[in-house]
Amino acid sequence: MAITAAQVKELREITAAGMMDAKKALVETDGDMEAAIDWLRTKGLAKAAKKSGRTAAEGLVAVAVAGGKGVAVEVNSETDFVSKNAEFQEMVGGIATVALNVADVEALKVADLGGKTVETVITDKIATIGENMSVRRMATVTGETVVTYVHNAATAGMGQIGVLVALNGGNEDFGKQIAMHIAAANPASLSEADLDPAVVEKERQIQIDIARESGKPEQVIEKMIIGRMKKFLAEVTLLGQQFVVNPDITVEQAAKDAGAEIVAYVRMQVGEGIEKKEEDFAAEVAKAVQG
């Protein structure tokens, strides 16, 4: 298949690989971006790409806590301008409060908010503001203590990134430090036991392929893989990560020192995983001029 300049540019931005290497990777993988990233890593031409999800949709993530339960809710809008609208913010805050009493996003849509269902409230707000909106997802945690943190807050309790941390033991100050760490480090899971086995196996295979490129004997490769996988797991699991407040210790050790057990967390970012269509404004104008 034909590889476009835009594809090469995107791959270079993700991997920092050279132009010709990026193009070759795309050719070798028939334009599959994820496979091309893995191909470059296997050849030692790219660093591990963090699967952070491209933030594309607009809106807000709101967090709320009551009685040892915390909830994070994402409500999307078409433009960032709407997320700054006081009416929209008030609605999102109300939806987050309602979410504390439901089990999932489908139940949230039909839950009561001021005498109407959440879905109806959103429909009415679409008519008022003139922009499409939707409740995309929600997540909850429970624990003796639940702490929230909002990064890039638009107003109290909502912004671009919302974090919940559930603790047994410890205190709110420590929980806040962990929440800020999660916002910055974006771990893939709490611990190795919670990590998707498919993610682990994929990384293991990539590391095997990288090691074999070195031409070393199989017994040496096996030892190399053990060390590299240990490093990978430390980087992507919350408990294994170096604590941002004190990089000399892991988050797990910091929790032990604080007399706390981190039982669950949620990190929710607006638009995470949604690919936004990029508009070519110059092309649109040229098309309009041509009639």
C-alpha atoms as a PDB file:
ATOM      1  CA  MET A   1       0.000   0.000   0.000  1.00  0.00           C
ATOM      2  CA  ALA A   2       1.042   3.616  -0.536  1.00  0.00           C
ATOM      3  CA  ILE A   3       2.556   5.266   2.544  1.00  0.00           C
ATOM      4  CA  THR A   4       1.679   8.934   2.996  1.00  0.00           C
ATOM      5  CA  ALA A   5       3.869  11.714   4.312  1.00  0.00           C
ATOM      6  CA  ALA A   6       1.343  12.248   7.102  1.00  0.00           C
ATOM      7  CA  GLN A   7       1.790   8.647   8.280  1.00  0.00           C
ATOM      8  CA  VAL A   8       5.575   9.015   8.290  1.00  0.00           C
ATOM      9  CA  LYS A   9       5.301  12.297  10.205  1.00  0.00           C
ATOM     10  CA  GLU A  10       2.996  10.741  12.811  1.00  0.00           C
ATOM     11  CA  LEU A  11       5.293   7.757  13.321  1.00  0.00           C
ATOM     12  CA  ARG A  12       8.337  10.013  13.679  1.00  0.00           C
ATOM     13  CA  GLU A  13       6.547  12.112  16.306  1.00  0.00           C
ATOM     14  CA  ILE A  14       5.652   9.007  18.303  1.00  0.00           C
ATOM     15  CA  THR A  15       9.033   7.265  18.075  1.00  0.00           C
ATOM     16  CA  ALA A  16      11.604   9.974  17.251  1.00  0.00           C
ATOM     17  CA  ALA A  17      12.870   7.653  14.494  1.00  0.00           C
ATOM     18  CA  GLY A  18      14.496   8.987  11.335  1.00  0.00           C
ATOM     19  CA  MET A  19      12.412   9.715   8.251  1.00  0.00           C
ATOM     20  CA  MET A  20      13.679   6.797   6.163  1.00  0.00           C
ATOM     21  CA  ASP A  21      13.457   4.392   9.104  1.00  0.00           C
ATOM     22  CA  ALA A  22       9.879   5.470   9.777  1.00  0.00           C
ATOM     23  CA  LYS A  23       8.936   5.050   6.134  1.00  0.00           C
ATOM     24  CA  LYS A  24      10.565   1.610   5.948  1.00  0.00           C
ATOM     25  CA  ALA A  25       8.753   0.511   9.104  1.00  0.00           C
ATOM     26  CA  LEU A  26       5.414   1.517   7.603  1.00  0.00           C
ATOM     27  CA  VAL A  27       6.205  -0.242   4.337  1.00  0.00           C
ATOM     28  CA  GLU A  28       7.210  -3.415   6.190  1.00  0.00           C
ATOM     29  CA  THR A  29       3.973  -3.397   8.211  1.00  0.00           C
ATOM     30  CA  ASP A  30       1.572  -2.306   5.438  1.00  0.00           C
ATOM     31  CA  GLY A  31       0.881   1.006   7.160  1.00  0.00           C
ATOM     32  CA  ASP A  32      -0.116  -0.466  10.521  1.00  0.00           C
ATOM     33  CA  MET A  33       0.992   2.253  12.984  1.00  0.00           C
ATOM     34  CA  GLU A  34       1.170   0.013  16.080  1.00  0.00           C
ATOM     35  CA  ALA A  35       3.039  -2.709  14.194  1.00  0.00           C
ATOM     36  CA  ALA A  36       5.424  -0.092  12.768  1.00  0.00           C
ATOM     37  CA  ILE A  37       6.218   1.156  16.288  1.00  0.00           C
ATOM     38  CA  ASP A  38       7.014  -2.409  17.343  1.00  0.00           C
ATOM     39  CA  TRP A  39       9.121  -2.952  14.200  1.00  0.00           C
ATOM     40  CA  LEU A  40      11.210   0.130  14.960  1.00  0.00           C
ATOM     41  CA  ARG A  41      11.676  -0.956  18.568  1.00  0.00           C
ATOM     42  CA  THR A  42      12.791  -4.411  17.455  1.00  0.00           C
ATOM     43  CA  LYS A  43      15.422  -2.812  15.242  1.00  0.00           C
ATOM     44  CA  GLY A  44      16.542  -0.561  18.079  1.00  0.00           C
ATOM     45  CA  LEU A  45      15.350   2.536  16.228  1.00  0.00           C
ATOM     46  CA  ALA A  46      12.696   3.731  18.658  1.00  0.00           C
ATOM     47  CA  LYS A  47      12.056   3.949  22.369  1.00  0.00           C
ATOM     48  CA  ALA A  48       9.065   2.199  23.922  1.00  0.00           C
ATOM     49  CA  ALA A  49       6.011   4.247  23.056  1.00  0.00           C
ATOM     50  CA  LYS A  50       3.755   4.990  26.002  1.00  0.00           C
ATOM     51  CA  LYS A  51       0.218   3.942  25.164  1.00  0.00           C
ATOM     52  CA  SER A  52      -1.207   7.075  26.670  1.00  0.00           C
ATOM     53  CA  GLY A  53      -4.062   7.401  24.198  1.00  0.00           C
ATOM     54  CA  ARG A  54      -4.278  10.424  21.936  1.00  0.00           C
ATOM     55  CA  THR A  55      -6.370  13.086  23.574  1.00  0.00           C
ATOM     56  CA  ALA A  56      -8.690  14.345  20.870  1.00  0.00           C
ATOM     57  CA  ALA A  57     -12.279  14.920  22.066  1.00  0.00           C
ATOM     58  CA  GLU A  58     -13.052  17.919  24.248  1.00  0.00           C
ATOM     59  CA  GLY A  59     -15.021  18.228  27.472  1.00  0.00           C
ATOM     60  CA  LEU A  60     -14.355  17.626  31.151  1.00  0.00           C
ATOM     61  CA  VAL A  61     -13.594  14.868  33.632  1.00  0.00           C
ATOM     62  CA  ALA A  62     -15.301  15.436  36.989  1.00  0.00           C
ATOM     63  CA  VAL A  63     -14.520  13.649  40.265  1.00  0.00           C
ATOM     64  CA  ALA A  64     -16.658  13.285  43.387  1.00  0.00           C
ATOM     65  CA  VAL A  65     -16.348  11.413  46.703  1.00  0.00           C
ATOM     66  CA  ALA A  66     -18.829  10.332  49.377  1.00  0.00           C
ATOM     67  CA  GLY A  67     -18.655   7.701  52.111  1.00  0.00           C
ATOM     68  CA  GLY A  68     -15.523   5.878  51.016  1.00  0.00           C
ATOM     69  CA  LYS A  69     -16.560   5.831  47.351  1.00  0.00           C
ATOM     70  CA  GLY A  70     -15.074   7.930  44.578  1.00  0.00           C
ATOM     71  CA  VAL A  71     -16.281   8.396  41.023  1.00  0.00           C
ATOM     72  CA  ALA A  72     -14.793   9.915  37.872  1.00  0.00           C
ATOM     73  CA  VAL A  73     -17.033  10.822  34.938  1.00  0.00           C
ATOM     74  CA  GLU A  74     -16.113  12.035  31.454  1.00  0.00           C
ATOM     75  CA  VAL A  75     -18.583  14.271  29.636  1.00  0.00           C
ATOM     76  CA  ASN A  76     -17.557  15.181  26.091  1.00  0.00           C
ATOM     77  CA  SER A  77     -18.280  18.238  24.003  1.00  0.00           C
ATOM     78  CA  GLU A  78     -17.239  19.236  20.492  1.00  0.00           C
ATOM     79  CA  THR A  79     -14.994  22.157  21.440  1.00  0.00           C
ATOM     80  CA  ASP A  80     -12.783  23.227  24.310  1.00  0.00           C
ATOM     81  CA  PHE A  81     -14.756  26.484  24.426  1.00  0.00           C
ATOM     82  CA  VAL A  82     -17.784  24.639  25.826  1.00  0.00           C
ATOM     83  CA  SER A  83     -15.743  23.113  28.661  1.00  0.00           C
ATOM     84  CA  LYS A  84     -15.187  26.673  29.906  1.00  0.00           C
ATOM     85  CA  ASN A  85     -18.938  27.377  29.857  1.00  0.00           C
ATOM     86  CA  ALA A  86     -20.406  27.764  33.376  1.00  0.00           C
ATOM     87  CA  GLU A  87     -23.656  26.028  32.368  1.00  0.00           C
ATOM     88  CA  PHE A  88     -21.758  23.026  31.037  1.00  0.00           C
ATOM     89  CA  GLN A  89     -19.574  22.855  34.153  1.00  0.00           C
ATOM     90  CA  GLU A  90     -22.623  22.981  36.427  1.00  0.00           C
ATOM     91  CA  MET A  91     -24.216  20.134  34.478  1.00  0.00           C
ATOM     92  CA  VAL A  92     -21.046  18.009  34.605  1.00  0.00           C
ATOM     93  CA  GLY A  93     -20.764  18.551  38.371  1.00  0.00           C
ATOM     94  CA  GLY A  94     -24.363  17.443  38.826  1.00  0.00           C
ATOM     95  CA  ILE A  95     -23.780  14.338  36.715  1.00  0.00           C
ATOM     96  CA  ALA A  96     -20.736  13.394  38.812  1.00  0.00           C
ATOM     97  CA  THR A  97     -22.773  13.674  42.018  1.00  0.00           C
ATOM     98  CA  VAL A  98     -25.494  11.436  40.565  1.00  0.00           C
ATOM     99  CA  ALA A  99     -22.836   8.939  39.450  1.00  0.00           C
ATOM    100  CA  LEU A 100     -21.973   8.239  43.098  1.00  0.00           C
ATOM    101  CA  ASN A 101     -25.243   6.322  43.399  1.00  0.00           C
ATOM    102  CA  VAL A 102     -25.170   4.215  40.214  1.00  0.00           C
ATOM    103  CA  ALA A 103     -23.189   1.198  39.052  1.00  0.00           C
ATOM    104  CA  ASP A 104     -22.207   2.066  35.474  1.00  0.00           C
ATOM    105  CA  VAL A 105     -22.511   4.626  32.696  1.00  0.00           C
ATOM    106  CA  GLU A 106     -25.699   3.111  31.257  1.00  0.00           C
ATOM    107  CA  ALA A 107     -27.420   3.390  34.635  1.00  0.00           C
ATOM    108  CA  LEU A 108     -26.067   6.939  34.915  1.00  0.00           C
ATOM    109  CA  LYS A 109     -27.722   8.001  31.660  1.00  0.00           C
ATOM    110  CA  VAL A 110     -31.188   7.089  32.957  1.00  0.00           C
ATOM    111  CA  ALA A 111     -30.602   8.274  36.547  1.00  0.00           C
ATOM    112  CA  ASP A 112     -32.527  11.253  37.921  1.00  0.00           C
ATOM    113  CA  LEU A 113     -30.949  14.702  37.834  1.00  0.00           C
ATOM    114  CA  GLY A 114     -33.269  17.462  38.960  1.00  0.00           C
ATOM    115  CA  GLY A 115     -36.434  15.643  37.909  1.00  0.00           C
ATOM    116  CA  LYS A 116     -35.141  14.550  34.501  1.00  0.00           C
ATOM    117  CA  THR A 117     -32.890  11.723  33.355  1.00  0.00           C
ATOM    118  CA  VAL A 118     -29.238  12.614  32.836  1.00  0.00           C
ATOM    119  CA  GLU A 119     -29.697  11.835  29.148  1.00  0.00           C
ATOM    120  CA  THR A 120     -32.587  14.309  28.904  1.00  0.00           C
ATOM    121  CA  VAL A 121     -30.621  16.994  30.760  1.00  0.00           C
ATOM    122  CA  ILE A 122     -27.820  16.597  28.226  1.00  0.00           C
ATOM    123  CA  THR A 123     -30.271  16.747  25.312  1.00  0.00           C
ATOM    124  CA  ASP A 124     -31.710  19.975  26.693  1.00  0.00           C
ATOM    125  CA  LYS A 125     -28.227  21.430  27.131  1.00  0.00           C
ATOM    126  CA  ILE A 126     -27.365  20.548  23.534  1.00  0.00           C
ATOM    127  CA  ALA A 127     -30.349  22.618  22.431  1.00  0.00           C
ATOM    128  CA  THR A 128     -29.290  25.518  24.680  1.00  0.00           C
ATOM    129  CA  ILE A 129     -25.558  25.596  23.889  1.00  0.00           C
ATOM    130  CA  GLY A 130     -25.829  24.335  20.318  1.00  0.00           C
ATOM    131  CA  GLU A 131     -23.107  21.717  20.461  1.00  0.00           C
ATOM    132  CA  ASN A 132     -23.188  17.941  20.654  1.00  0.00           C
ATOM    133  CA  MET A 133     -22.404  16.429  24.091  1.00  0.00           C
ATOM    134  CA  SER A 134     -22.380  12.979  25.657  1.00  0.00           C
ATOM    135  CA  VAL A 135     -21.553  11.066  28.824  1.00  0.00           C
ATOM    136  CA  ARG A 136     -18.777   8.814  27.624  1.00  0.00           C
ATOM    137  CA  ARG A 137     -17.665   6.791  30.656  1.00  0.00           C
ATOM    138  CA  MET A 138     -17.405   6.564  34.423  1.00  0.00           C
ATOM    139  CA  ALA A 139     -15.243   4.646  36.897  1.00  0.00           C
ATOM    140  CA  THR A 140     -15.373   4.123  40.656  1.00  0.00           C
ATOM    141  CA  VAL A 141     -13.086   3.139  43.537  1.00  0.00           C
ATOM    142  CA  THR A 142     -13.787   2.316  47.175  1.00  0.00           C
ATOM    143  CA  GLY A 143     -11.580   2.303  50.262  1.00  0.00           C
ATOM    144  CA  GLU A 144     -11.200   3.583  53.810  1.00  0.00           C
ATOM    145  CA  THR A 145      -9.947   6.850  52.325  1.00  0.00           C
ATOM    146  CA  VAL A 146     -10.581   8.084  48.774  1.00  0.00           C
ATOM    147  CA  VAL A 147      -8.573  11.055  47.541  1.00  0.00           C
ATOM    148  CA  THR A 148      -9.068  13.041  44.336  1.00  0.00           C
ATOM    149  CA  TYR A 149      -6.800  15.215  42.209  1.00  0.00           C
ATOM    150  CA  VAL A 150      -7.657  17.218  39.098  1.00  0.00           C
ATOM    151  CA  HIS A 151      -4.946  18.362  36.696  1.00  0.00           C
ATOM    152  CA  ASN A 152      -5.584  21.430  34.535  1.00  0.00           C
ATOM    153  CA  ALA A 153      -8.732  22.181  36.509  1.00  0.00           C
ATOM    154  CA  ALA A 154     -11.409  24.237  34.756  1.00  0.00           C
ATOM    155  CA  THR A 155     -13.192  24.717  38.082  1.00  0.00           C
ATOM    156  CA  ALA A 156     -13.378  22.850  41.392  1.00  0.00           C
ATOM    157  CA  GLY A 157     -13.518  19.087  40.934  1.00  0.00           C
ATOM    158  CA  MET A 158     -13.224  18.953  37.157  1.00  0.00           C
ATOM    159  CA  GLY A 159     -10.659  19.436  34.436  1.00  0.00           C
ATOM    160  CA  GLN A 160      -8.635  17.635  31.775  1.00  0.00           C
ATOM    161  CA  ILE A 161      -7.329  14.797  33.971  1.00  0.00           C
ATOM    162  CA  GLY A 162      -9.139  13.378  36.998  1.00  0.00           C
ATOM    163  CA  VAL A 163      -7.517  10.960  39.437  1.00  0.00           C
ATOM    164  CA  LEU A 164      -9.006   8.856  42.233  1.00  0.00           C
ATOM    165  CA  VAL A 165      -6.931   6.932  44.783  1.00  0.00           C
ATOM    166  CA  ALA A 166      -8.413   4.494  47.307  1.00  0.00           C
ATOM    167  CA  LEU A 167      -6.345   3.769  50.414  1.00  0.00           C
ATOM    168  CA  ASN A 168      -6.594   1.569  53.456  1.00  0.00           C
ATOM    169  CA  GLY A 169      -4.565   3.300  56.149  1.00  0.00           C
ATOM    170  CA  GLY A 170      -2.375   6.305  55.527  1.00  0.00           C
ATOM    171  CA  ASN A 171      -3.893   9.763  55.267  1.00  0.00           C
ATOM    172  CA  GLU A 172      -5.237  12.256  52.752  1.00  0.00           C
ATOM    173  CA  ASP A 173      -1.934  14.097  52.365  1.00  0.00           C
ATOM    174  CA  PHE A 174      -0.180  10.901  51.286  1.00  0.00           C
ATOM    175  CA  GLY A 175      -3.130  10.020  49.063  1.00  0.00           C
ATOM    176  CA  LYS A 176      -2.858  13.409  47.360  1.00  0.00           C
ATOM    177  CA  GLN A 177       0.832  12.796  46.641  1.00  0.00           C
ATOM    178  CA  ILE A 178      -0.008   9.433  45.077  1.00  0.00           C
ATOM    179  CA  ALA A 179      -2.814  10.982  43.029  1.00  0.00           C
ATOM    180  CA  MET A 180      -0.444  13.622  41.653  1.00  0.00           C
ATOM    181  CA  HIS A 181       2.116  10.913  40.884  1.00  0.00           C
ATOM    182  CA  ILE A 182      -0.531   8.982  38.928  1.00  0.00           C
ATOM    183  CA  ALA A 183      -1.520  12.078  36.954  1.00  0.00           C
ATOM    184  CA  ALA A 184       2.109  12.618  35.943  1.00  0.00           C
ATOM    185  CA  ALA A 185       3.369   9.038  35.493  1.00  0.00           C
ATOM    186  CA  ASN A 186       0.221   7.467  33.995  1.00  0.00           C
ATOM    187  CA  PRO A 187       0.804   3.861  35.154  1.00  0.00           C
ATOM    188  CA  ALA A 188      -0.831   1.071  33.154  1.00  0.00           C
ATOM    189  CA  SER A 189      -1.952  -0.872  36.241  1.00  0.00           C
ATOM    190  CA  LEU A 190      -1.679  -0.989  40.028  1.00  0.00           C
ATOM    191  CA  SER A 191       0.640  -4.001  40.085  1.00  0.00           C
ATOM    192  CA  GLU A 192       2.015  -6.740  37.860  1.00  0.00           C
ATOM    193  CA  ALA A 193      -0.931  -8.954  38.844  1.00  0.00           C
ATOM    194  CA  ASP A 194      -3.372  -6.377  37.391  1.00  0.00           C
ATOM    195  CA  LEU A 195      -1.510  -5.850  34.114  1.00  0.00           C
ATOM    196  CA  ASP A 196      -3.102  -7.212  30.946  1.00  0.00           C
ATOM    197  CA  PRO A 197      -1.249 -10.486  30.134  1.00  0.00           C
ATOM    198  CA  ALA A 198      -1.411  -9.608  26.424  1.00  0.00           C
ATOM    199  CA  VAL A 199       0.534  -6.392  27.102  1.00  0.00           C
ATOM    200  CA  VAL A 200       3.187  -8.317  29.038  1.00  0.00           C
ATOM    201  CA  GLU A 201       3.517 -10.989  26.356  1.00  0.00           C
ATOM    202  CA  LYS A 202       3.753  -8.415  23.579  1.00  0.00           C
ATOM    203  CA  GLU A 203       6.551  -6.588  25.387  1.00  0.00           C
ATOM    204  CA  ARG A 204       8.338  -9.867  26.095  1.00  0.00           C
ATOM    205  CA  GLN A 205       8.271 -10.797  22.401  1.00  0.00           C
ATOM    206  CA  ILE A 206       9.578  -7.374  21.402  1.00  0.00           C
ATOM    207  CA  GLN A 207      12.435  -7.698  23.878  1.00  0.00           C
ATOM    208  CA  ILE A 208      13.250 -11.197  22.579  1.00  0.00           C
ATOM    209  CA  ASP A 209      13.381  -9.877  19.017  1.00  0.00           C
ATOM    210  CA  ILE A 210      15.598  -6.967  20.092  1.00  0.00           C
ATOM    211  CA  ALA A 211      17.945  -9.313  21.939  1.00  0.00           C
ATOM    212  CA  ARG A 212      18.181 -11.698  18.990  1.00  0.00           C
ATOM    213  CA  GLU A 213      19.162  -8.807  16.733  1.00  0.00           C
ATOM    214  CA  SER A 214      22.302  -8.575  18.877  1.00  0.00           C
ATOM    215  CA  GLY A 215      23.336 -12.071  17.788  1.00  0.00           C
ATOM    216  CA  LYS A 216      24.030 -13.246  21.327  1.00  0.00           C
ATOM    217  CA  PRO A 217      23.562 -16.926  22.352  1.00  0.00           C
ATOM    218  CA  GLU A 218      20.087 -18.051  23.513  1.00  0.00           C
ATOM    219  CA  GLN A 219      21.203 -18.580  27.128  1.00  0.00           C
ATOM    220  CA  VAL A 220      22.482 -14.998  27.249  1.00  0.00           C
ATOM    221  CA  ILE A 221      19.278 -13.741  25.631  1.00  0.00           C
ATOM    222  CA  GLU A 222      17.194 -15.463  28.318  1.00  0.00           C
ATOM    223  CA  LYS A 223      19.051 -13.580  31.064  1.00  0.00           C
ATOM    224  CA  MET A 224      18.725 -10.328  29.144  1.00  0.00           C
ATOM    225  CA  ILE A 225      14.962 -10.788  28.857  1.00  0.00           C
ATOM    226  CA  ILE A 226      14.535 -11.362  32.593  1.00  0.00           C
ATOM    227  CA  GLY A 227      16.269  -8.063  33.373  1.00  0.00           C
ATOM    228  CA  ARG A 228      14.479  -6.107  30.688  1.00  0.00           C
ATOM    229  CA  MET A 229      11.028  -7.385  31.662  1.00  0.00           C
ATOM    230  CA  LYS A 230      11.717  -6.537  35.293  1.00  0.00           C
ATOM    231  CA  LYS A 231      12.555  -2.984  34.212  1.00  0.00           C
ATOM    232  CA  PHE A 232       9.449  -2.796  32.007  1.00  0.00           C
ATOM    233  CA  LEU A 233       7.128  -3.935  34.812  1.00  0.00           C
ATOM    234  CA  ALA A 234       8.677  -1.406  37.188  1.00  0.00           C
ATOM    235  CA  GLU A 235       8.044   1.385  34.703  1.00  0.00           C
ATOM    236  CA  VAL A 236       4.397   0.606  33.904  1.00  0.00           C
ATOM    237  CA  THR A 237       2.967  -0.515  37.269  1.00  0.00           C
ATOM    238  CA  LEU A 238       2.092   2.060  39.918  1.00  0.00           C
ATOM    239  CA  LEU A 239       3.625   0.141  42.833  1.00  0.00           C
ATOM    240  CA  GLY A 240       6.821  -0.496  40.870  1.00  0.00           C
ATOM    241  CA  GLN A 241       7.374   3.083  39.695  1.00  0.00           C
ATOM    242  CA  GLN A 242       9.891   5.426  41.293  1.00  0.00           C
ATOM    243  CA  PHE A 243       7.906   7.801  43.523  1.00  0.00           C
ATOM    244  CA  VAL A 244       7.938  11.307  42.041  1.00  0.00           C
ATOM    245  CA  VAL A 245       8.134  12.863  45.507  1.00  0.00           C
ATOM    246  CA  ASN A 246      11.196  10.740  46.369  1.00  0.00           C
ATOM    247  CA  PRO A 247      12.707   8.960  43.331  1.00  0.00           C
ATOM    248  CA  ASP A 248      15.018   6.951  45.606  1.00  0.00           C
ATOM    249  CA  ILE A 249      12.106   4.685  46.561  1.00  0.00           C
ATOM    250  CA  THR A 250       9.216   3.000  44.771  1.00  0.00           C
ATOM    251  CA  VAL A 251       5.565   3.912  45.275  1.00  0.00           C
ATOM    252  CA  GLU A 252       5.136   0.559  47.017  1.00  0.00           C
ATOM    253  CA  GLN A 253       7.863   1.417  49.525  1.00  0.00           C
ATOM    254  CA  ALA A 254       6.438   4.907  50.035  1.00  0.00           C
ATOM    255  CA  ALA A 255       3.056   3.370  50.862  1.00  0.00           C
ATOM    256  CA  LYS A 256       4.633   1.004  53.392  1.00  0.00           C
ATOM    257  CA  ASP A 257       6.498   3.904  55.009  1.00  0.00           C
ATOM    258  CA  ALA A 258       3.214   5.831  55.249  1.00  0.00           C
ATOM    259  CA  GLY A 259       1.365   2.855  56.752  1.00  0.00           C
ATOM    260  CA  ALA A 260      -0.952   2.734  53.756  1.00  0.00           C
ATOM    261  CA  GLU A 261      -2.181   0.178  51.248  1.00  0.00           C
ATOM    262  CA  ILE A 262      -3.118   1.491  47.808  1.00  0.00           C
ATOM    263  CA  VAL A 263      -6.107  -0.662  46.892  1.00  0.00           C
ATOM    264  CA  ALA A 264      -7.269   0.980  43.666  1.00  0.00           C
ATOM    265  CA  TYR A 265      -6.882   4.020  41.438  1.00  0.00           C
ATOM    266  CA  VAL A 266      -8.434   5.640  38.386  1.00  0.00           C
ATOM    267  CA  ARG A 267      -6.764   8.052  35.989  1.00  0.00           C
ATOM    268  CA  MET A 268      -9.189   9.475  33.434  1.00  0.00           C
ATOM    269  CA  GLN A 269      -8.180  11.975  30.758  1.00  0.00           C
ATOM    270  CA  VAL A 270     -10.523  13.857  28.466  1.00  0.00           C
ATOM    271  CA  GLY A 271     -10.702  12.291  25.022  1.00  0.00           C
ATOM    272  CA  GLU A 272      -8.331   9.458  25.867  1.00  0.00           C
ATOM    273  CA  GLY A 273      -8.360   6.865  23.094  1.00  0.00           C
ATOM    274  CA  ILE A 274     -10.559   8.899  20.753  1.00  0.00           C
ATOM    275  CA  GLU A 275      -8.964   9.857  17.459  1.00  0.00           C
ATOM    276  CA  LYS A 276      -9.973  13.311  16.371  1.00  0.00           C
ATOM    277  CA  LYS A 277     -10.228  14.144  12.697  1.00  0.00           C
ATOM    278  CA  GLU A 278      -7.719  16.881  11.882  1.00  0.00           C
ATOM    279  CA  GLU A 279      -9.173  19.579   9.714  1.00  0.00           C
ATOM    280  CA  ASP A 280      -7.016  21.089   6.958  1.00  0.00           C
ATOM    281  CA  PHE A 281      -8.192  24.682   7.230  1.00  0.00           C
ATOM    282  CA  ALA A 282      -6.193  25.885   4.193  1.00  0.00           C
ATOM    283  CA  ALA A 283      -7.673  23.115   2.044  1.00  0.00           C
ATOM    284  CA  GLU A 284     -11.175  23.986   3.241  1.00  0.00           C
ATOM    285  CA  VAL A 285     -10.704  27.651   2.305  1.00  0.00           C
ATOM    286  CA  ALA A 286      -9.276  26.742  -1.102  1.00  0.00           C
ATOM    287  CA  LYS A 287     -12.203  24.428  -1.756  1.00  0.00           C
ATOM    288  CA  ALA A 288     -14.676  27.123  -0.761  1.00  0.00           C
ATOM    289  CA  VAL A 289     -13.009  29.691  -3.031  1.00  0.00           C
ATOM    290  CA  GLN A 290     -13.185  27.275  -5.955  1.00  0.00           C
ATOM    291  CA  GLY A 291     -16.907  26.930  -5.342  1.00  0.00           C
END
